[in-house]
Amino acid sequence: MPIQDNSINYIEFPATDMEKTRQFYGAAFGWTFVDYGPAYASFSGAGVDGGFTLDAKASGSTGVLVVLYHHDLEEIELKVKALGCEVVKPIFSFPGGRRLHFADPNGNELAIWSE
């Protein structure tokens, strides 16, 4: 089944200790992890996939990052901008695809990704 545009597809949490984070969520909830370097681990088994990042403080993010999906990042970027929202991280590549971050009208940072 293809991923639906504009759906919540991924949730990213800040972390301060990756090993303790993996141990806790694995033992408490049975989540499994895939590491993408020392500062990032994705998880599955939670009903929605997500990840933990040690880079959240460096990026200025202070909470959970909700990640939406859209098949055409350039198209959705134009729409976000046209609606008056600020793109806080222009389109960039990451393992698994590309994404951008924007601030919603309340100042909440969200991301949108695509293959």
PDB file of N, CA and C in Angstrom:
ATOM      1  N   MET A   1       0.845  -1.178   0.000  1.00  0.00           N
ATOM      2  CA  MET A   1       0.000   0.000   0.000  1.00  0.00           C
ATOM      3  C   MET A   1       0.891   1.241   0.000  1.00  0.00           C
ATOM      4  N   PRO A   2       0.690   2.164  -0.929  1.00  0.00           N
ATOM      5  CA  PRO A   2       1.532   3.367  -0.955  1.00  0.00           C
ATOM      6  C   PRO A   2       1.270   4.254   0.262  1.00  0.00           C
ATOM      7  N   ILE A   3       2.274   5.026   0.603  1.00  0.00           N
ATOM      8  CA  ILE A   3       2.146   5.968   1.711  1.00  0.00           C
ATOM      9  C   ILE A   3       1.236   7.101   1.265  1.00  0.00           C
ATOM     10  N   GLN A   4       0.336   7.484   2.125  1.00  0.00           N
ATOM     11  CA  GLN A   4      -0.623   8.540   1.804  1.00  0.00           C
ATOM     12  C   GLN A   4       0.010   9.915   2.024  1.00  0.00           C
ATOM     13  N   ASP A   5      -0.121  10.803   1.030  1.00  0.00           N
ATOM     14  CA  ASP A   5       0.369  12.167   1.171  1.00  0.00           C
ATOM     15  C   ASP A   5      -0.274  12.830   2.384  1.00  0.00           C
ATOM     16  N   ASN A   6       0.498  13.673   3.037  1.00  0.00           N
ATOM     17  CA  ASN A   6       0.042  14.530   4.131  1.00  0.00           C
ATOM     18  C   ASN A   6      -0.342  13.767   5.394  1.00  0.00           C
ATOM     19  N   SER A   7       0.027  12.494   5.484  1.00  0.00           N
ATOM     20  CA  SER A   7      -0.256  11.716   6.688  1.00  0.00           C
ATOM     21  C   SER A   7       0.947  11.767   7.635  1.00  0.00           C
ATOM     22  N   ILE A   8       0.662  11.628   8.939  1.00  0.00           N
ATOM     23  CA  ILE A   8       1.774  11.511   9.892  1.00  0.00           C
ATOM     24  C   ILE A   8       2.413  10.159   9.630  1.00  0.00           C
ATOM     25  N   ASN A   9       3.692  10.173   9.343  1.00  0.00           N
ATOM     26  CA  ASN A   9       4.370   8.974   8.908  1.00  0.00           C
ATOM     27  C   ASN A   9       5.507   8.576   9.826  1.00  0.00           C
ATOM     28  N   TYR A  10       5.992   9.503  10.644  1.00  0.00           N
ATOM     29  CA  TYR A  10       7.205   9.255  11.417  1.00  0.00           C
ATOM     30  C   TYR A  10       7.253  10.275  12.546  1.00  0.00           C
ATOM     31  N   ILE A  11       7.740   9.862  13.697  1.00  0.00           N
ATOM     32  CA  ILE A  11       7.864  10.776  14.833  1.00  0.00           C
ATOM     33  C   ILE A  11       9.296  10.697  15.349  1.00  0.00           C
ATOM     34  N   GLU A  12       9.905  11.852  15.561  1.00  0.00           N
ATOM     35  CA  GLU A  12      11.298  11.904  15.977  1.00  0.00           C
ATOM     36  C   GLU A  12      11.408  12.555  17.355  1.00  0.00           C
ATOM     37  N   PHE A  13      12.037  11.849  18.281  1.00  0.00           N
ATOM     38  CA  PHE A  13      12.204  12.318  19.647  1.00  0.00           C
ATOM     39  C   PHE A  13      13.649  12.745  19.895  1.00  0.00           C
ATOM     40  N   PRO A  14      13.855  13.782  20.687  1.00  0.00           N
ATOM     41  CA  PRO A  14      15.226  14.094  21.109  1.00  0.00           C
ATOM     42  C   PRO A  14      15.686  13.060  22.132  1.00  0.00           C
ATOM     43  N   ALA A  15      16.967  12.813  22.179  1.00  0.00           N
ATOM     44  CA  ALA A  15      17.539  11.873  23.146  1.00  0.00           C
ATOM     45  C   ALA A  15      18.835  12.458  23.690  1.00  0.00           C
ATOM     46  N   THR A  16      19.172  12.064  24.889  1.00  0.00           N
ATOM     47  CA  THR A  16      20.435  12.511  25.475  1.00  0.00           C
ATOM     48  C   THR A  16      21.416  11.361  25.630  1.00  0.00           C
ATOM     49  N   ASP A  17      20.933  10.119  25.681  1.00  0.00           N
ATOM     50  CA  ASP A  17      21.781   8.938  25.823  1.00  0.00           C
ATOM     51  C   ASP A  17      21.164   7.832  24.979  1.00  0.00           C
ATOM     52  N   MET A  18      21.764   7.553  23.830  1.00  0.00           N
ATOM     53  CA  MET A  18      21.178   6.613  22.881  1.00  0.00           C
ATOM     54  C   MET A  18      21.109   5.200  23.444  1.00  0.00           C
ATOM     55  N   GLU A  19      22.135   4.761  24.134  1.00  0.00           N
ATOM     56  CA  GLU A  19      22.140   3.399  24.658  1.00  0.00           C
ATOM     57  C   GLU A  19      21.042   3.203  25.705  1.00  0.00           C
ATOM     58  N   LYS A  20      20.894   4.130  26.633  1.00  0.00           N
ATOM     59  CA  LYS A  20      19.826   4.033  27.633  1.00  0.00           C
ATOM     60  C   LYS A  20      18.455   4.108  26.980  1.00  0.00           C
ATOM     61  N   THR A  21      18.331   4.932  25.945  1.00  0.00           N
ATOM     62  CA  THR A  21      17.067   5.060  25.223  1.00  0.00           C
ATOM     63  C   THR A  21      16.693   3.738  24.580  1.00  0.00           C
ATOM     64  N   ARG A  22      17.644   3.104  23.867  1.00  0.00           N
ATOM     65  CA  ARG A  22      17.397   1.808  23.232  1.00  0.00           C
ATOM     66  C   ARG A  22      17.016   0.764  24.272  1.00  0.00           C
ATOM     67  N   GLN A  23      17.780   0.711  25.358  1.00  0.00           N
ATOM     68  CA  GLN A  23      17.518  -0.289  26.405  1.00  0.00           C
ATOM     69  C   GLN A  23      16.127  -0.103  26.996  1.00  0.00           C
ATOM     70  N   PHE A  24      15.757   1.128  27.339  1.00  0.00           N
ATOM     71  CA  PHE A  24      14.470   1.372  27.968  1.00  0.00           C
ATOM     72  C   PHE A  24      13.313   1.006  27.043  1.00  0.00           C
ATOM     73  N   TYR A  25      13.281   1.572  25.840  1.00  0.00           N
ATOM     74  CA  TYR A  25      12.149   1.349  24.942  1.00  0.00           C
ATOM     75  C   TYR A  25      12.097  -0.095  24.440  1.00  0.00           C
ATOM     76  N   GLY A  26      13.256  -0.724  24.304  1.00  0.00           N
ATOM     77  CA  GLY A  26      13.271  -2.134  23.922  1.00  0.00           C
ATOM     78  C   GLY A  26      12.709  -3.019  25.026  1.00  0.00           C
ATOM     79  N   ALA A  27      13.168  -2.787  26.264  1.00  0.00           N
ATOM     80  CA  ALA A  27      12.718  -3.606  27.391  1.00  0.00           C
ATOM     81  C   ALA A  27      11.274  -3.311  27.782  1.00  0.00           C
ATOM     82  N   ALA A  28      10.904  -2.049  27.808  1.00  0.00           N
ATOM     83  CA  ALA A  28       9.560  -1.678  28.260  1.00  0.00           C
ATOM     84  C   ALA A  28       8.485  -1.997  27.236  1.00  0.00           C
ATOM     85  N   PHE A  29       8.750  -1.756  25.955  1.00  0.00           N
ATOM     86  CA  PHE A  29       7.705  -1.836  24.942  1.00  0.00           C
ATOM     87  C   PHE A  29       8.000  -2.794  23.789  1.00  0.00           C
ATOM     88  N   GLY A  30       9.192  -3.383  23.777  1.00  0.00           N
ATOM     89  CA  GLY A  30       9.537  -4.328  22.729  1.00  0.00           C
ATOM     90  C   GLY A  30       9.895  -3.701  21.396  1.00  0.00           C
ATOM     91  N   TRP A  31      10.192  -2.398  21.391  1.00  0.00           N
ATOM     92  CA  TRP A  31      10.567  -1.731  20.147  1.00  0.00           C
ATOM     93  C   TRP A  31      11.914  -2.259  19.672  1.00  0.00           C
ATOM     94  N   THR A  32      12.116  -2.283  18.362  1.00  0.00           N
ATOM     95  CA  THR A  32      13.396  -2.665  17.789  1.00  0.00           C
ATOM     96  C   THR A  32      14.019  -1.440  17.122  1.00  0.00           C
ATOM     97  N   PHE A  33      15.337  -1.488  16.949  1.00  0.00           N
ATOM     98  CA  PHE A  33      16.071  -0.305  16.494  1.00  0.00           C
ATOM     99  C   PHE A  33      17.010  -0.613  15.345  1.00  0.00           C
ATOM    100  N   VAL A  34      17.224   0.390  14.508  1.00  0.00           N
ATOM    101  CA  VAL A  34      18.255   0.374  13.480  1.00  0.00           C
ATOM    102  C   VAL A  34      19.056   1.649  13.671  1.00  0.00           C
ATOM    103  N   ASP A  35      20.367   1.510  13.852  1.00  0.00           N
ATOM    104  CA  ASP A  35      21.236   2.668  14.055  1.00  0.00           C
ATOM    105  C   ASP A  35      21.671   3.255  12.716  1.00  0.00           C
ATOM    106  N   TYR A  36      21.652   4.582  12.640  1.00  0.00           N
ATOM    107  CA  TYR A  36      22.164   5.318  11.489  1.00  0.00           C
ATOM    108  C   TYR A  36      23.260   6.239  12.014  1.00  0.00           C
ATOM    109  N   GLY A  37      24.343   5.649  12.433  1.00  0.00           N
ATOM    110  CA  GLY A  37      25.437   6.396  13.038  1.00  0.00           C
ATOM    111  C   GLY A  37      25.223   6.516  14.535  1.00  0.00           C
ATOM    112  N   PRO A  38      26.167   7.138  15.228  1.00  0.00           N
ATOM    113  CA  PRO A  38      26.091   7.211  16.689  1.00  0.00           C
ATOM    114  C   PRO A  38      25.042   8.181  17.222  1.00  0.00           C
ATOM    115  N   ALA A  39      24.520   9.071  16.373  1.00  0.00           N
ATOM    116  CA  ALA A  39      23.597  10.107  16.856  1.00  0.00           C
ATOM    117  C   ALA A  39      22.145   9.863  16.452  1.00  0.00           C
ATOM    118  N   TYR A  40      21.853   8.708  15.792  1.00  0.00           N
ATOM    119  CA  TYR A  40      20.476   8.487  15.343  1.00  0.00           C
ATOM    120  C   TYR A  40      20.133   7.006  15.353  1.00  0.00           C
ATOM    121  N   ALA A  41      18.960   6.695  15.887  1.00  0.00           N
ATOM    122  CA  ALA A  41      18.434   5.329  15.843  1.00  0.00           C
ATOM    123  C   ALA A  41      16.955   5.393  15.506  1.00  0.00           C
ATOM    124  N   SER A  42      16.553   4.660  14.478  1.00  0.00           N
ATOM    125  CA  SER A  42      15.126   4.584  14.155  1.00  0.00           C
ATOM    126  C   SER A  42      14.521   3.434  14.951  1.00  0.00           C
ATOM    127  N   PHE A  43      13.214   3.527  15.212  1.00  0.00           N
ATOM    128  CA  PHE A  43      12.538   2.452  15.928  1.00  0.00           C
ATOM    129  C   PHE A  43      11.334   1.970  15.143  1.00  0.00           C
ATOM    130  N   SER A  44      10.956   0.734  15.410  1.00  0.00           N
ATOM    131  CA  SER A  44       9.728   0.177  14.845  1.00  0.00           C
ATOM    132  C   SER A  44       9.062  -0.659  15.928  1.00  0.00           C
ATOM    133  N   GLY A  45       7.799  -0.975  15.698  1.00  0.00           N
ATOM    134  CA  GLY A  45       7.046  -1.759  16.666  1.00  0.00           C
ATOM    135  C   GLY A  45       6.180  -0.921  17.578  1.00  0.00           C
ATOM    136  N   ALA A  46       6.023   0.372  17.273  1.00  0.00           N
ATOM    137  CA  ALA A  46       5.268   1.279  18.138  1.00  0.00           C
ATOM    138  C   ALA A  46       3.926   1.699  17.520  1.00  0.00           C
ATOM    139  N   GLY A  47       3.552   1.119  16.400  1.00  0.00           N
ATOM    140  CA  GLY A  47       2.328   1.534  15.727  1.00  0.00           C
ATOM    141  C   GLY A  47       2.582   2.581  14.662  1.00  0.00           C
ATOM    142  N   VAL A  48       3.599   3.386  14.848  1.00  0.00           N
ATOM    143  CA  VAL A  48       4.100   4.324  13.853  1.00  0.00           C
ATOM    144  C   VAL A  48       5.619   4.312  14.009  1.00  0.00           C
ATOM    145  N   ASP A  49       6.321   4.340  12.901  1.00  0.00           N
ATOM    146  CA  ASP A  49       7.776   4.335  12.983  1.00  0.00           C
ATOM    147  C   ASP A  49       8.285   5.695  13.430  1.00  0.00           C
ATOM    148  N   GLY A  50       9.498   5.703  13.953  1.00  0.00           N
ATOM    149  CA  GLY A  50      10.087   6.945  14.409  1.00  0.00           C
ATOM    150  C   GLY A  50      11.553   6.782  14.674  1.00  0.00           C
ATOM    151  N   GLY A  51      12.110   7.773  15.348  1.00  0.00           N
ATOM    152  CA  GLY A  51      13.521   7.725  15.654  1.00  0.00           C
ATOM    153  C   GLY A  51      13.864   8.585  16.849  1.00  0.00           C
ATOM    154  N   PHE A  52      15.066   8.373  17.333  1.00  0.00           N
ATOM    155  CA  PHE A  52      15.635   9.172  18.413  1.00  0.00           C
ATOM    156  C   PHE A  52      16.904   9.815  17.890  1.00  0.00           C
ATOM    157  N   THR A  53      17.090  11.098  18.179  1.00  0.00           N
ATOM    158  CA  THR A  53      18.262  11.816  17.698  1.00  0.00           C
ATOM    159  C   THR A  53      18.980  12.532  18.833  1.00  0.00           C
ATOM    160  N   LEU A  54      20.286  12.424  18.817  1.00  0.00           N
ATOM    161  CA  LEU A  54      21.113  13.181  19.764  1.00  0.00           C
ATOM    162  C   LEU A  54      21.361  14.585  19.248  1.00  0.00           C
ATOM    163  N   ASP A  55      21.009  14.852  17.992  1.00  0.00           N
ATOM    164  CA  ASP A  55      21.274  16.140  17.358  1.00  0.00           C
ATOM    165  C   ASP A  55      20.181  17.171  17.600  1.00  0.00           C
ATOM    166  N   ALA A  56      19.145  16.849  18.340  1.00  0.00           N
ATOM    167  CA  ALA A  56      18.008  17.764  18.516  1.00  0.00           C
ATOM    168  C   ALA A  56      18.434  19.080  19.156  1.00  0.00           C
ATOM    169  N   LYS A  57      19.285  19.032  20.167  1.00  0.00           N
ATOM    170  CA  LYS A  57      19.699  20.276  20.818  1.00  0.00           C
ATOM    171  C   LYS A  57      20.500  21.154  19.861  1.00  0.00           C
ATOM    172  N   ALA A  58      21.337  20.544  19.062  1.00  0.00           N
ATOM    173  CA  ALA A  58      22.139  21.316  18.120  1.00  0.00           C
ATOM    174  C   ALA A  58      21.268  21.975  17.061  1.00  0.00           C
ATOM    175  N   SER A  59      20.146  21.326  16.718  1.00  0.00           N
ATOM    176  CA  SER A  59      19.294  21.882  15.667  1.00  0.00           C
ATOM    177  C   SER A  59      18.291  22.891  16.210  1.00  0.00           C
ATOM    178  N   GLY A  60      18.194  23.024  17.529  1.00  0.00           N
ATOM    179  CA  GLY A  60      17.259  23.970  18.105  1.00  0.00           C
ATOM    180  C   GLY A  60      15.910  23.360  18.433  1.00  0.00           C
ATOM    181  N   SER A  61      15.696  22.113  18.061  1.00  0.00           N
ATOM    182  CA  SER A  61      14.438  21.447  18.370  1.00  0.00           C
ATOM    183  C   SER A  61      14.394  21.117  19.851  1.00  0.00           C
ATOM    184  N   THR A  62      13.250  21.334  20.469  1.00  0.00           N
ATOM    185  CA  THR A  62      13.156  21.076  21.913  1.00  0.00           C
ATOM    186  C   THR A  62      12.128  20.016  22.253  1.00  0.00           C
ATOM    187  N   GLY A  63      11.556  19.370  21.276  1.00  0.00           N
ATOM    188  CA  GLY A  63      10.539  18.376  21.568  1.00  0.00           C
ATOM    189  C   GLY A  63      10.434  17.357  20.470  1.00  0.00           C
ATOM    190  N   VAL A  64       9.295  16.677  20.443  1.00  0.00           N
ATOM    191  CA  VAL A  64       9.032  15.655  19.451  1.00  0.00           C
ATOM    192  C   VAL A  64       8.900  16.299  18.078  1.00  0.00           C
ATOM    193  N   LEU A  65       9.480  15.670  17.083  1.00  0.00           N
ATOM    194  CA  LEU A  65       9.364  16.145  15.709  1.00  0.00           C
ATOM    195  C   LEU A  65       8.405  15.225  14.971  1.00  0.00           C
ATOM    196  N   VAL A  66       7.265  15.744  14.573  1.00  0.00           N
ATOM    197  CA  VAL A  66       6.309  14.987  13.770  1.00  0.00           C
ATOM    198  C   VAL A  66       6.732  15.120  12.313  1.00  0.00           C
ATOM    199  N   VAL A  67       6.803  13.982  11.631  1.00  0.00           N
ATOM    200  CA  VAL A  67       7.256  13.957  10.252  1.00  0.00           C
ATOM    201  C   VAL A  67       6.103  13.493   9.364  1.00  0.00           C
ATOM    202  N   LEU A  68       5.701  14.373   8.446  1.00  0.00           N
ATOM    203  CA  LEU A  68       4.663  14.058   7.478  1.00  0.00           C
ATOM    204  C   LEU A  68       5.306  13.499   6.213  1.00  0.00           C
ATOM    205  N   TYR A  69       4.491  12.899   5.377  1.00  0.00           N
ATOM    206  CA  TYR A  69       4.981  12.389   4.098  1.00  0.00           C
ATOM    207  C   TYR A  69       4.306  13.156   2.961  1.00  0.00           C
ATOM    208  N   HIS A  70       5.057  13.429   1.903  1.00  0.00           N
ATOM    209  CA  HIS A  70       4.475  13.950   0.660  1.00  0.00           C
ATOM    210  C   HIS A  70       5.358  13.489  -0.487  1.00  0.00           C
ATOM    211  N   HIS A  71       4.740  13.018  -1.568  1.00  0.00           N
ATOM    212  CA  HIS A  71       5.512  12.450  -2.679  1.00  0.00           C
ATOM    213  C   HIS A  71       6.327  13.491  -3.437  1.00  0.00           C
ATOM    214  N   ASP A  72       5.986  14.776  -3.329  1.00  0.00           N
ATOM    215  CA  ASP A  72       6.668  15.824  -4.081  1.00  0.00           C
ATOM    216  C   ASP A  72       7.071  16.951  -3.125  1.00  0.00           C
ATOM    217  N   LEU A  73       8.304  16.900  -2.645  1.00  0.00           N
ATOM    218  CA  LEU A  73       8.756  17.893  -1.657  1.00  0.00           C
ATOM    219  C   LEU A  73       8.736  19.311  -2.198  1.00  0.00           C
ATOM    220  N   GLU A  74       9.124  19.491  -3.437  1.00  0.00           N
ATOM    221  CA  GLU A  74       9.138  20.836  -3.995  1.00  0.00           C
ATOM    222  C   GLU A  74       7.722  21.421  -4.040  1.00  0.00           C
ATOM    223  N   GLU A  75       6.767  20.604  -4.403  1.00  0.00           N
ATOM    224  CA  GLU A  75       5.374  21.060  -4.462  1.00  0.00           C
ATOM    225  C   GLU A  75       4.856  21.453  -3.081  1.00  0.00           C
ATOM    226  N   ILE A  76       5.080  20.614  -2.097  1.00  0.00           N
ATOM    227  CA  ILE A  76       4.558  20.901  -0.754  1.00  0.00           C
ATOM    228  C   ILE A  76       5.334  22.043  -0.108  1.00  0.00           C
ATOM    229  N   GLU A  77       6.613  22.200  -0.445  1.00  0.00           N
ATOM    230  CA  GLU A  77       7.383  23.332   0.076  1.00  0.00           C
ATOM    231  C   GLU A  77       6.779  24.654  -0.403  1.00  0.00           C
ATOM    232  N   LEU A  78       6.434  24.723  -1.688  1.00  0.00           N
ATOM    233  CA  LEU A  78       5.802  25.928  -2.227  1.00  0.00           C
ATOM    234  C   LEU A  78       4.474  26.212  -1.530  1.00  0.00           C
ATOM    235  N   LYS A  79       3.700  25.176  -1.263  1.00  0.00           N
ATOM    236  CA  LYS A  79       2.408  25.343  -0.602  1.00  0.00           C
ATOM    237  C   LYS A  79       2.585  25.851   0.827  1.00  0.00           C
ATOM    238  N   VAL A  80       3.536  25.266   1.557  1.00  0.00           N
ATOM    239  CA  VAL A  80       3.813  25.692   2.931  1.00  0.00           C
ATOM    240  C   VAL A  80       4.207  27.170   2.956  1.00  0.00           C
ATOM    241  N   LYS A  81       5.094  27.551   2.049  1.00  0.00           N
ATOM    242  CA  LYS A  81       5.529  28.951   1.971  1.00  0.00           C
ATOM    243  C   LYS A  81       4.382  29.876   1.591  1.00  0.00           C
ATOM    244  N   ALA A  82       3.553  29.449   0.631  1.00  0.00           N
ATOM    245  CA  ALA A  82       2.430  30.281   0.182  1.00  0.00           C
ATOM    246  C   ALA A  82       1.425  30.516   1.303  1.00  0.00           C
ATOM    247  N   LEU A  83       1.364  29.595   2.243  1.00  0.00           N
ATOM    248  CA  LEU A  83       0.455  29.740   3.377  1.00  0.00           C
ATOM    249  C   LEU A  83       1.085  30.513   4.529  1.00  0.00           C
ATOM    250  N   GLY A  84       2.265  31.079   4.290  1.00  0.00           N
ATOM    251  CA  GLY A  84       2.882  31.960   5.267  1.00  0.00           C
ATOM    252  C   GLY A  84       3.768  31.292   6.293  1.00  0.00           C
ATOM    253  N   CYS A  85       4.070  30.024   6.108  1.00  0.00           N
ATOM    254  CA  CYS A  85       4.938  29.330   7.067  1.00  0.00           C
ATOM    255  C   CYS A  85       6.394  29.429   6.627  1.00  0.00           C
ATOM    256  N   GLU A  86       7.272  29.437   7.603  1.00  0.00           N
ATOM    257  CA  GLU A  86       8.707  29.534   7.346  1.00  0.00           C
ATOM    258  C   GLU A  86       9.317  28.148   7.207  1.00  0.00           C
ATOM    259  N   VAL A  87      10.107  27.950   6.158  1.00  0.00           N
ATOM    260  CA  VAL A  87      10.901  26.735   6.027  1.00  0.00           C
ATOM    261  C   VAL A  87      12.156  26.959   6.855  1.00  0.00           C
ATOM    262  N   VAL A  88      12.334  26.163   7.912  1.00  0.00           N
ATOM    263  CA  VAL A  88      13.472  26.366   8.814  1.00  0.00           C
ATOM    264  C   VAL A  88      14.675  25.493   8.448  1.00  0.00           C
ATOM    265  N   LYS A  89      14.454  24.436   7.671  1.00  0.00           N
ATOM    266  CA  LYS A  89      15.540  23.627   7.108  1.00  0.00           C
ATOM    267  C   LYS A  89      15.133  23.292   5.682  1.00  0.00           C
ATOM    268  N   PRO A  90      15.796  23.901   4.701  1.00  0.00           N
ATOM    269  CA  PRO A  90      15.471  23.603   3.306  1.00  0.00           C
ATOM    270  C   PRO A  90      15.665  22.116   3.006  1.00  0.00           C
ATOM    271  N   ILE A  91      15.168  21.689   1.869  1.00  0.00           N
ATOM    272  CA  ILE A  91      15.255  20.275   1.476  1.00  0.00           C
ATOM    273  C   ILE A  91      16.694  19.784   1.581  1.00  0.00           C
ATOM    274  N   PHE A  92      16.852  18.637   2.251  1.00  0.00           N
ATOM    275  CA  PHE A  92      18.161  18.008   2.403  1.00  0.00           C
ATOM    276  C   PHE A  92      17.997  16.494   2.306  1.00  0.00           C
ATOM    277  N   SER A  93      19.087  15.812   1.986  1.00  0.00           N
ATOM    278  CA  SER A  93      19.074  14.352   1.889  1.00  0.00           C
ATOM    279  C   SER A  93      19.441  13.740   3.225  1.00  0.00           C
ATOM    280  N   PHE A  94      18.886  12.561   3.479  1.00  0.00           N
ATOM    281  CA  PHE A  94      19.211  11.770   4.665  1.00  0.00           C
ATOM    282  C   PHE A  94      19.114  10.304   4.247  1.00  0.00           C
ATOM    283  N   PRO A  95      19.649   9.368   5.045  1.00  0.00           N
ATOM    284  CA  PRO A  95      19.523   7.959   4.659  1.00  0.00           C
ATOM    285  C   PRO A  95      18.044   7.576   4.532  1.00  0.00           C
ATOM    286  N   GLY A  96      17.612   7.257   3.343  1.00  0.00           N
ATOM    287  CA  GLY A  96      16.229   6.879   3.125  1.00  0.00           C
ATOM    288  C   GLY A  96      15.431   7.860   2.302  1.00  0.00           C
ATOM    289  N   GLY A  97      15.963   9.044   2.042  1.00  0.00           N
ATOM    290  CA  GLY A  97      15.212   9.993   1.232  1.00  0.00           C
ATOM    291  C   GLY A  97      15.661  11.424   1.390  1.00  0.00           C
ATOM    292  N   ARG A  98      14.676  12.335   1.304  1.00  0.00           N
ATOM    293  CA  ARG A  98      14.940  13.760   1.464  1.00  0.00           C
ATOM    294  C   ARG A  98      13.844  14.325   2.353  1.00  0.00           C
ATOM    295  N   ARG A  99      14.125  15.452   3.007  1.00  0.00           N
ATOM    296  CA  ARG A  99      13.094  16.098   3.805  1.00  0.00           C
ATOM    297  C   ARG A  99      13.385  17.571   3.989  1.00  0.00           C
ATOM    298  N   LEU A 100      12.371  18.269   4.499  1.00  0.00           N
ATOM    299  CA  LEU A 100      12.508  19.670   4.868  1.00  0.00           C
ATOM    300  C   LEU A 100      11.800  19.853   6.199  1.00  0.00           C
ATOM    301  N   HIS A 101      12.135  20.927   6.899  1.00  0.00           N
ATOM    302  CA  HIS A 101      11.471  21.268   8.156  1.00  0.00           C
ATOM    303  C   HIS A 101      10.825  22.631   7.996  1.00  0.00           C
ATOM    304  N   PHE A 102       9.659  22.809   8.630  1.00  0.00           N
ATOM    305  CA  PHE A 102       8.989  24.095   8.592  1.00  0.00           C
ATOM    306  C   PHE A 102       8.378  24.389   9.950  1.00  0.00           C
ATOM    307  N   ALA A 103       8.113  25.663  10.189  1.00  0.00           N
ATOM    308  CA  ALA A 103       7.430  26.088  11.415  1.00  0.00           C
ATOM    309  C   ALA A 103       5.983  26.359  11.054  1.00  0.00           C
ATOM    310  N   ASP A 104       5.062  25.730  11.802  1.00  0.00           N
ATOM    311  CA  ASP A 104       3.642  25.971  11.546  1.00  0.00           C
ATOM    312  C   ASP A 104       3.252  27.340  12.102  1.00  0.00           C
ATOM    313  N   PRO A 105       2.007  27.778  11.933  1.00  0.00           N
ATOM    314  CA  PRO A 105       1.615  29.110  12.409  1.00  0.00           C
ATOM    315  C   PRO A 105       1.793  29.321  13.909  1.00  0.00           C
ATOM    316  N   ASN A 106       1.904  28.224  14.674  1.00  0.00           N
ATOM    317  CA  ASN A 106       2.116  28.326  16.116  1.00  0.00           C
ATOM    318  C   ASN A 106       3.589  28.284  16.502  1.00  0.00           C
ATOM    319  N   GLY A 107       4.458  28.128  15.508  1.00  0.00           N
ATOM    320  CA  GLY A 107       5.875  28.024  15.784  1.00  0.00           C
ATOM    321  C   GLY A 107       6.354  26.601  16.002  1.00  0.00           C
ATOM    322  N   ASN A 108       5.462  25.599  15.904  1.00  0.00           N
ATOM    323  CA  ASN A 108       5.866  24.200  16.049  1.00  0.00           C
ATOM    324  C   ASN A 108       6.651  23.759  14.824  1.00  0.00           C
ATOM    325  N   GLU A 109       7.760  23.096  15.051  1.00  0.00           N
ATOM    326  CA  GLU A 109       8.557  22.592  13.947  1.00  0.00           C
ATOM    327  C   GLU A 109       8.052  21.211  13.552  1.00  0.00           C
ATOM    328  N   LEU A 110       7.781  21.030  12.263  1.00  0.00           N
ATOM    329  CA  LEU A 110       7.408  19.755  11.689  1.00  0.00           C
ATOM    330  C   LEU A 110       8.328  19.503  10.505  1.00  0.00           C
ATOM    331  N   ALA A 111       8.351  18.257  10.038  1.00  0.00           N
ATOM    332  CA  ALA A 111       9.147  17.908   8.865  1.00  0.00           C
ATOM    333  C   ALA A 111       8.237  17.209   7.863  1.00  0.00           C
ATOM    334  N   ILE A 112       8.672  17.240   6.617  1.00  0.00           N
ATOM    335  CA  ILE A 112       8.002  16.498   5.548  1.00  0.00           C
ATOM    336  C   ILE A 112       9.089  15.744   4.792  1.00  0.00           C
ATOM    337  N   TRP A 113       8.850  14.453   4.534  1.00  0.00           N
ATOM    338  CA  TRP A 113       9.855  13.662   3.836  1.00  0.00           C
ATOM    339  C   TRP A 113       9.282  13.044   2.576  1.00  0.00           C
ATOM    340  N   SER A 114      10.174  12.601   1.704  1.00  0.00           N
ATOM    341  CA  SER A 114       9.838  11.873   0.494  1.00  0.00           C
ATOM    342  C   SER A 114      11.015  10.968   0.141  1.00  0.00           C
ATOM    343  N   GLU A 115      10.722   9.977  -0.693  1.00  0.00           N
ATOM    344  CA  GLU A 115      11.812   9.082  -1.125  1.00  0.00           C
ATOM    345  C   GLU A 115      12.822   9.856  -1.929  1.00  0.00           C
TER     346      GLU A 115
END
